Protein backbone atom coordinates (compact mmCIF):
# COMPACT_ATOMS: atom_id res chain seq x y z
CA MET A 1 -93.20 146.90 37.16
CA ASP A 2 -92.78 143.18 36.61
CA PHE A 3 -93.13 141.17 39.82
CA GLU A 4 -92.50 137.81 38.15
CA PHE A 5 -89.19 135.98 38.43
CA THR A 6 -87.55 134.58 35.32
CA GLU A 7 -87.68 130.84 34.74
CA SER A 8 -84.02 130.48 35.73
CA GLN A 9 -84.66 132.38 38.97
CA ARG A 10 -87.64 130.15 39.80
CA ILE A 11 -85.57 127.03 39.16
CA LEU A 12 -82.75 128.45 41.27
CA ARG A 13 -85.09 129.14 44.16
CA GLU A 14 -86.80 125.74 44.00
CA SER A 15 -83.56 123.78 43.83
CA LEU A 16 -82.12 125.74 46.73
CA GLN A 17 -85.26 125.21 48.83
CA LYS A 18 -84.94 121.45 48.30
CA PHE A 19 -81.27 121.59 49.26
CA CYS A 20 -82.07 123.53 52.42
CA ASP A 21 -84.88 121.16 53.42
CA ASN A 22 -82.88 117.99 52.82
CA GLN A 23 -79.35 118.95 53.84
CA LEU A 24 -79.18 122.27 55.69
CA LYS A 25 -82.13 122.07 58.11
CA PRO A 26 -80.96 118.82 59.75
CA ALA A 27 -77.55 120.37 60.42
CA VAL A 28 -78.58 123.80 61.74
CA ASP A 29 -78.71 123.03 65.46
CA GLU A 30 -75.30 121.37 65.45
CA ILE A 31 -73.77 124.20 63.41
CA ASP A 32 -75.01 126.76 65.94
CA ARG A 33 -74.30 124.74 69.08
CA LYS A 34 -70.76 123.70 68.14
CA ASP A 35 -69.90 126.81 66.08
CA ILE A 36 -68.50 124.63 63.31
CA PHE A 37 -68.05 125.48 59.65
CA PRO A 38 -70.17 122.97 57.66
CA ASN A 39 -67.78 121.69 55.00
CA GLN A 40 -70.31 119.24 53.58
CA ILE A 41 -72.90 122.01 53.14
CA TRP A 42 -70.26 124.16 51.46
CA ARG A 43 -69.52 121.38 48.99
CA GLY A 44 -73.22 121.02 48.29
CA LEU A 45 -73.57 124.72 47.50
CA SER A 46 -70.54 124.46 45.22
CA GLU A 47 -72.15 121.55 43.35
CA LEU A 48 -75.25 123.69 42.84
CA GLY A 49 -73.05 126.26 41.07
CA LEU A 50 -73.70 129.04 43.59
CA MET A 51 -70.15 130.05 44.51
CA GLY A 52 -69.73 132.32 41.50
CA ILE A 53 -73.36 133.13 40.92
CA THR A 54 -72.78 136.58 39.38
CA ILE A 55 -69.63 135.62 37.48
CA PRO A 56 -69.76 134.97 33.70
CA GLU A 57 -69.67 131.36 32.57
CA GLU A 58 -66.30 131.83 30.86
CA PHE A 59 -64.71 132.04 34.32
CA GLY A 60 -66.73 129.17 35.78
CA GLY A 61 -69.63 131.20 37.19
CA ALA A 62 -73.39 131.02 36.72
CA GLY A 63 -73.69 134.36 34.89
CA ALA A 64 -76.68 135.46 36.98
CA ASP A 65 -77.63 138.94 38.22
CA VAL A 66 -77.68 140.56 41.66
CA LEU A 67 -81.37 139.68 42.15
CA SER A 68 -80.48 136.00 41.78
CA ALA A 69 -77.80 136.44 44.45
CA VAL A 70 -80.40 138.08 46.66
CA LEU A 71 -82.71 135.09 46.23
CA VAL A 72 -79.92 132.71 47.28
CA MET A 73 -79.11 134.84 50.32
CA GLU A 74 -82.77 135.00 51.34
CA GLU A 75 -83.39 131.26 51.03
CA LEU A 76 -80.22 130.28 52.91
CA SER A 77 -80.97 132.80 55.66
CA LYS A 78 -84.44 131.38 56.25
CA VAL A 79 -82.73 128.22 57.45
CA CYS A 80 -79.19 129.14 58.54
CA PRO A 81 -77.95 132.74 58.42
CA ALA A 82 -74.46 131.57 59.36
CA VAL A 83 -74.10 129.63 56.11
CA SER A 84 -75.55 132.52 54.12
CA LEU A 85 -73.07 134.96 55.69
CA SER A 86 -70.05 132.85 54.73
CA TRP A 87 -71.53 132.31 51.27
CA MET A 88 -71.98 136.06 50.80
CA ALA A 89 -68.45 136.86 52.01
CA HIS A 90 -67.11 134.40 49.47
CA SER A 91 -69.41 134.93 46.48
CA ILE A 92 -70.19 138.64 46.73
CA LEU A 93 -67.62 140.42 48.88
CA CYS A 94 -64.65 138.61 47.39
CA THR A 95 -65.53 136.90 44.10
CA HIS A 96 -67.98 139.46 42.69
CA ASN A 97 -65.80 142.42 43.68
CA LEU A 98 -62.76 140.73 42.21
CA PHE A 99 -64.49 140.14 38.88
CA MET A 100 -65.83 143.69 38.66
CA HIS A 101 -62.41 145.29 39.17
CA ALA A 102 -59.80 142.71 38.13
CA ASN A 103 -57.88 142.61 34.88
CA GLN A 104 -58.11 139.56 32.63
CA ALA A 105 -54.97 137.93 34.03
CA GLN A 106 -56.29 138.22 37.59
CA ARG A 107 -59.71 136.92 36.56
CA LYS A 108 -58.22 133.86 34.86
CA LYS A 109 -55.96 133.13 37.82
CA TYR A 110 -58.45 133.42 40.68
CA LEU A 111 -62.05 133.19 39.49
CA PRO A 112 -62.27 129.55 38.29
CA ASP A 113 -61.22 128.11 41.67
CA LEU A 114 -63.40 130.58 43.58
CA CYS A 115 -66.41 129.77 41.41
CA SER A 116 -65.93 126.01 41.83
CA GLY A 117 -65.54 126.30 45.58
CA LYS A 118 -62.02 124.89 45.44
CA THR A 119 -60.82 128.02 47.18
CA ILE A 120 -62.66 130.14 49.76
CA GLY A 121 -62.76 133.93 49.57
CA ALA A 122 -63.04 136.78 52.07
CA LEU A 123 -63.01 140.58 52.21
CA ALA A 124 -60.79 142.44 54.68
CA ILE A 125 -61.58 146.09 55.44
CA THR A 126 -62.31 146.33 59.18
CA GLU A 127 -59.49 146.97 61.65
CA PRO A 128 -59.40 147.27 65.44
CA GLY A 129 -59.76 151.07 65.15
CA SER A 130 -61.67 151.29 61.87
CA GLY A 131 -65.22 149.95 61.64
CA SER A 132 -67.95 152.14 60.19
CA ASP A 133 -65.24 154.68 59.31
CA ALA A 134 -63.74 152.31 56.76
CA VAL A 135 -61.52 154.89 55.04
CA SER A 136 -59.56 155.48 58.25
CA ILE A 137 -57.75 152.13 57.95
CA LYS A 138 -54.15 152.03 59.21
CA THR A 139 -52.80 148.96 57.42
CA SER A 140 -49.91 150.21 55.29
CA ALA A 141 -48.42 149.11 51.99
CA ARG A 142 -45.12 150.37 50.54
CA LYS A 143 -43.62 149.52 47.17
CA LYS A 144 -40.33 147.62 47.21
CA GLY A 145 -39.09 146.50 43.82
CA ASP A 146 -41.70 144.37 42.11
CA ARG A 147 -43.80 143.85 45.23
CA TYR A 148 -45.54 145.62 48.08
CA ILE A 149 -44.80 145.17 51.78
CA LEU A 150 -47.95 145.24 53.92
CA ASN A 151 -48.18 145.72 57.69
CA GLY A 152 -51.27 145.85 59.85
CA THR A 153 -54.12 143.87 61.41
CA LYS A 154 -57.64 143.21 60.16
CA THR A 155 -60.42 142.05 62.46
CA PHE A 156 -64.03 140.79 62.31
CA ILE A 157 -63.22 139.19 58.96
CA THR A 158 -65.91 136.73 57.88
CA ASN A 159 -64.24 133.54 56.57
CA GLY A 160 -60.92 134.97 57.76
CA PRO A 161 -59.77 131.79 59.54
CA ILE A 162 -60.44 129.59 56.48
CA ALA A 163 -60.00 131.88 53.47
CA ASP A 164 -57.55 131.08 50.68
CA VAL A 165 -58.00 134.35 48.77
CA ILE A 166 -58.64 137.71 50.44
CA LEU A 167 -59.51 141.05 48.90
CA LEU A 168 -57.72 143.38 51.32
CA TYR A 169 -57.40 147.17 51.60
CA ALA A 170 -54.30 149.08 52.71
CA LYS A 171 -52.97 152.64 52.64
CA THR A 172 -50.33 153.22 49.97
CA ASP A 173 -50.29 156.99 50.47
CA LYS A 174 -51.29 158.23 53.93
CA GLU A 175 -51.15 161.86 52.84
CA LYS A 176 -53.98 161.36 50.33
CA GLY A 177 -56.45 160.00 52.88
CA PRO A 178 -59.22 157.98 51.20
CA LYS A 179 -57.58 158.55 47.81
CA GLY A 180 -54.46 156.80 49.06
CA ILE A 181 -56.15 153.41 49.58
CA THR A 182 -55.24 150.43 47.40
CA ALA A 183 -56.98 147.06 47.07
CA PHE A 184 -54.83 143.91 47.01
CA ILE A 185 -55.49 140.26 46.24
CA ILE A 186 -53.89 138.28 49.07
CA GLU A 187 -53.23 134.54 49.16
CA LYS A 188 -52.99 132.80 52.52
CA GLY A 189 -49.59 131.39 51.57
CA PHE A 190 -47.94 134.77 51.07
CA LYS A 191 -44.85 135.36 53.19
CA GLY A 192 -45.69 137.48 56.24
CA PHE A 193 -49.42 136.64 56.23
CA SER A 194 -51.05 134.78 59.11
CA THR A 195 -54.39 134.41 60.85
CA GLY A 196 -54.91 135.56 64.42
CA LYS A 197 -57.53 134.53 66.94
CA ARG A 198 -60.89 133.19 65.86
CA ILE A 199 -63.63 135.44 67.28
CA GLU A 200 -66.53 133.79 69.06
CA LYS A 201 -69.84 135.53 68.33
CA MET A 202 -73.29 135.43 69.89
CA GLY A 203 -74.90 134.82 66.50
CA HIS A 204 -74.05 133.51 63.04
CA ARG A 205 -72.20 130.71 64.77
CA GLY A 206 -70.69 128.37 62.22
CA SER A 207 -69.55 131.26 60.05
CA PRO A 208 -65.90 131.66 61.09
CA THR A 209 -64.77 135.18 61.96
CA GLY A 210 -61.25 136.16 62.88
CA GLU A 211 -58.18 138.36 62.68
CA LEU A 212 -55.70 138.63 59.82
CA ILE A 213 -52.13 139.66 60.58
CA LEU A 214 -49.72 141.21 58.07
CA GLU A 215 -46.10 141.39 59.19
CA ASP A 216 -43.97 142.55 56.28
CA CYS A 217 -46.34 140.58 54.08
CA GLU A 218 -44.98 140.39 50.52
CA VAL A 219 -47.57 140.91 47.77
CA PRO A 220 -46.58 140.82 44.06
CA GLU A 221 -47.32 144.05 42.21
CA GLU A 222 -49.56 142.14 39.79
CA ASN A 223 -51.90 141.53 42.73
CA VAL A 224 -52.90 145.18 42.95
CA LEU A 225 -56.62 145.32 42.11
CA PHE A 226 -57.76 148.11 39.78
CA GLY A 227 -54.65 150.22 40.31
CA GLU A 228 -52.60 151.87 43.04
CA ASN A 229 -54.51 154.43 45.12
CA LYS A 230 -57.79 153.44 43.44
CA GLY A 231 -59.03 151.21 46.24
CA ILE A 232 -61.71 153.65 47.41
CA SER A 233 -63.60 153.09 44.14
CA VAL A 234 -63.44 149.32 44.61
CA MET A 235 -64.57 149.69 48.22
CA MET A 236 -67.55 151.96 47.54
CA ASP A 237 -68.74 150.05 44.47
CA GLY A 238 -68.70 146.85 46.49
CA LEU A 239 -70.56 148.27 49.47
CA ASP A 240 -73.72 148.97 47.47
CA VAL A 241 -74.02 145.36 46.34
CA GLU A 242 -72.95 144.11 49.79
CA ARG A 243 -75.69 146.11 51.53
CA THR A 244 -78.29 144.88 49.05
CA VAL A 245 -77.39 141.23 49.48
CA ILE A 246 -77.00 141.39 53.26
CA ALA A 247 -80.45 142.99 53.39
CA ALA A 248 -81.78 139.81 51.80
CA GLY A 249 -80.23 137.89 54.69
CA ALA A 250 -82.27 140.01 57.08
CA ILE A 251 -85.41 139.29 55.04
CA GLY A 252 -84.82 135.55 55.23
CA CYS A 253 -84.23 135.74 58.98
CA ALA A 254 -87.43 137.77 59.51
CA GLN A 255 -89.41 135.32 57.36
CA SER A 256 -88.21 132.49 59.58
CA ALA A 257 -89.35 134.41 62.67
CA LEU A 258 -92.77 134.92 61.11
CA ASP A 259 -93.12 131.27 60.09
CA TYR A 260 -92.23 129.99 63.57
CA SER A 261 -94.53 132.55 65.20
CA VAL A 262 -97.52 131.58 63.05
CA GLN A 263 -96.98 127.87 63.70
CA TYR A 264 -96.60 128.35 67.45
CA ALA A 265 -99.61 130.70 67.69
CA ARG A 266 -101.75 128.00 66.09
CA GLU A 267 -100.54 125.20 68.35
CA ARG A 268 -99.98 126.82 71.74
CA GLU A 269 -103.12 126.99 73.90
CA GLN A 270 -103.83 129.19 76.89
CA PHE A 271 -107.16 129.84 78.60
CA GLY A 272 -108.62 127.01 76.56
CA LYS A 273 -107.84 128.29 73.05
CA PRO A 274 -104.90 128.89 70.71
CA ILE A 275 -102.94 132.03 71.55
CA GLY A 276 -103.35 133.03 67.91
CA SER A 277 -106.96 133.86 68.71
CA PHE A 278 -105.88 136.73 70.97
CA GLN A 279 -105.75 140.14 69.30
CA PHE A 280 -102.38 141.10 70.75
CA ILE A 281 -100.78 138.08 69.08
CA GLN A 282 -102.69 138.68 65.86
CA GLY A 283 -101.46 142.27 65.79
CA LYS A 284 -97.81 141.25 66.09
CA ILE A 285 -98.15 138.69 63.32
CA ALA A 286 -100.09 141.01 61.01
CA ASP A 287 -97.63 143.88 61.48
CA LEU A 288 -94.67 141.61 60.86
CA TYR A 289 -96.19 140.25 57.66
CA ALA A 290 -96.98 143.73 56.28
CA GLN A 291 -93.56 145.13 57.13
CA LEU A 292 -91.80 142.06 55.76
CA GLU A 293 -93.55 142.28 52.40
CA ALA A 294 -92.68 145.98 52.10
CA ALA A 295 -89.03 145.41 53.03
CA ARG A 296 -88.72 142.47 50.64
CA LEU A 297 -89.93 144.55 47.70
CA LEU A 298 -87.42 147.28 48.56
CA VAL A 299 -84.59 144.75 48.67
CA TYR A 300 -85.63 143.29 45.31
CA LYS A 301 -85.78 146.77 43.78
CA ALA A 302 -82.32 147.58 45.11
CA ALA A 303 -81.03 144.35 43.55
CA VAL A 304 -82.45 145.23 40.14
CA VAL A 305 -81.03 148.75 40.30
CA ALA A 306 -77.66 147.39 41.48
CA SER A 307 -77.42 145.23 38.36
CA LYS A 308 -78.31 148.18 36.13
CA SER A 309 -75.81 150.41 37.91
CA GLU A 310 -73.01 147.96 37.25
CA ARG A 311 -73.94 148.03 33.58
CA GLY A 312 -73.70 151.81 33.56
CA GLY A 313 -77.28 152.84 34.32
CA ARG A 314 -79.31 154.52 37.11
CA GLY A 315 -76.43 156.69 38.37
CA THR A 316 -76.06 156.96 42.15
CA GLU A 317 -79.61 155.90 42.97
CA ILE A 318 -78.26 152.59 44.23
CA ASN A 319 -76.35 154.34 47.05
CA ARG A 320 -79.47 155.40 48.89
CA LEU A 321 -81.56 152.41 47.81
CA ALA A 322 -79.03 149.87 49.08
CA ALA A 323 -78.66 151.76 52.36
CA ALA A 324 -82.44 152.00 52.73
CA ALA A 325 -82.92 148.31 52.00
CA ALA A 326 -80.28 147.31 54.57
CA LEU A 327 -81.70 149.76 57.12
CA LEU A 328 -85.33 148.69 56.80
CA ALA A 329 -84.67 144.96 56.52
CA GLY A 330 -82.08 144.93 59.28
CA GLU A 331 -84.20 146.68 61.88
CA LEU A 332 -87.24 144.63 60.87
CA SER A 333 -85.29 141.41 61.35
CA GLU A 334 -84.22 142.39 64.84
CA GLN A 335 -87.79 143.34 65.80
CA ALA A 336 -89.10 140.11 64.27
CA GLY A 337 -86.75 138.12 66.50
CA LEU A 338 -87.95 140.01 69.58
CA ASP A 339 -91.60 139.53 68.64
CA ALA A 340 -91.10 135.82 68.03
CA ILE A 341 -89.59 135.37 71.48
CA GLN A 342 -92.47 137.33 72.99
CA ILE A 343 -95.01 135.11 71.23
CA PHE A 344 -93.19 131.98 72.44
CA GLY A 345 -93.13 133.39 75.96
CA GLY A 346 -90.96 131.52 78.45
CA TYR A 347 -90.15 128.85 75.90
CA GLY A 348 -88.74 131.49 73.57
CA TYR A 349 -86.23 132.46 76.25
CA THR A 350 -84.81 128.95 76.40
CA LEU A 351 -82.22 127.43 74.10
CA ASP A 352 -84.58 124.59 73.20
CA TYR A 353 -86.51 126.60 70.61
CA PRO A 354 -85.04 128.17 67.43
CA VAL A 355 -86.34 131.72 68.01
CA ASN A 356 -83.45 132.53 70.34
CA ARG A 357 -81.04 131.80 67.49
CA ILE A 358 -83.07 133.95 65.11
CA LEU A 359 -82.70 136.95 67.42
CA ARG A 360 -78.98 136.32 67.94
CA ASP A 361 -78.47 136.10 64.19
CA ALA A 362 -80.73 139.07 63.41
CA LYS A 363 -78.69 141.52 65.48
CA LEU A 364 -75.82 141.46 62.98
CA TYR A 365 -78.04 142.96 60.28
CA THR A 366 -78.13 146.32 62.07
CA ILE A 367 -74.32 146.32 62.37
CA GLY A 368 -72.69 144.61 59.38
CA ALA A 369 -72.05 146.46 56.09
CA GLY A 370 -72.46 149.75 57.93
CA THR A 371 -74.52 150.25 61.07
CA SER A 372 -78.11 151.50 60.99
CA GLU A 373 -76.79 154.92 61.97
CA VAL A 374 -74.37 155.01 59.03
CA ARG A 375 -77.11 153.87 56.65
CA ARG A 376 -79.30 156.78 57.76
CA LEU A 377 -76.42 159.18 57.14
CA ILE A 378 -75.95 157.82 53.61
CA ILE A 379 -79.64 158.17 52.78
CA ALA A 380 -79.87 161.70 54.18
CA ARG A 381 -76.69 162.89 52.42
CA GLU A 382 -77.87 161.47 49.11
CA LEU A 383 -81.23 163.22 49.41
CA LEU A 384 -79.92 166.52 50.79
CA LYS A 385 -76.76 166.57 48.63
CA LEU A 386 -74.85 168.32 51.38
């Protein structure tokens, strides 16, 4: 196995680290406190060419692989998971999925503006009654002439309140169950489309989340993605890459918890010496480091396999690998946040120190892109072939 990054990946990582140090870090506290979407940061990421990172250059993208996307997600999440979440919803959930399944006309129409950051993308699966059970969606779509009429409500949609282009799933044939789902490309200006309430969250503040409302929403038939009743393939293909990239967010968040813990354990003194000299503290830090390195390697492997799978290799291995990466990294991130607060003691429980935000952000990684419980089911079913 080759554990070295390519030159382009090293340059990508270094340039992003500089951006985070100079522009993102100074804004993090305000983003979290005020729950505001950082437009200036978004423009900066667009100027770095990150909005279409996996999209070929002919459509305005960077032409990079899934591992490169993972590196971006990890670096952003070390500093501000909220920004990384909105970036992922745009670049991976919407833009990458659209490229993988769109026809040439759809690619030419939507990808250039998404890749430049001129438009913002989102993915809409979740509904009030359909979370982990994504195929049980109720939003309906019926054909009427040369367009479809959509009715329903989506919720917990990352970037929902600000998105210009949404990849949205609806039922075109209720009798067929999962095989009656169709994916649509929705524009915010479509007749019958509107945004509902913006949802306030305990973590990832600054990444806008909200409801989407479809009331006889008119969608041109040319905006069907991949074909009528073929949405389940789009959905499942996208989930593997989504889980892999979101796992990188958990890795970045856990790395931040470790970094803060090490720094504090060196500086904080009790009983006349740094708390890092006590074995209980050393044990927490050592365990976190070992588990973080193991989880990171799993995430990187899943990213490499995801790229090969999209090129027609490695079969269904990515299903269990992506689920395992998201499971391990997500639960590690949550534990890392708890351990960091414990190391900080009373100060960690206040809002004056960043570890409280790390824990609030980390919790999403055991819920989003399928809960930990669902990830375990996927892994077990893949191995047992039941």
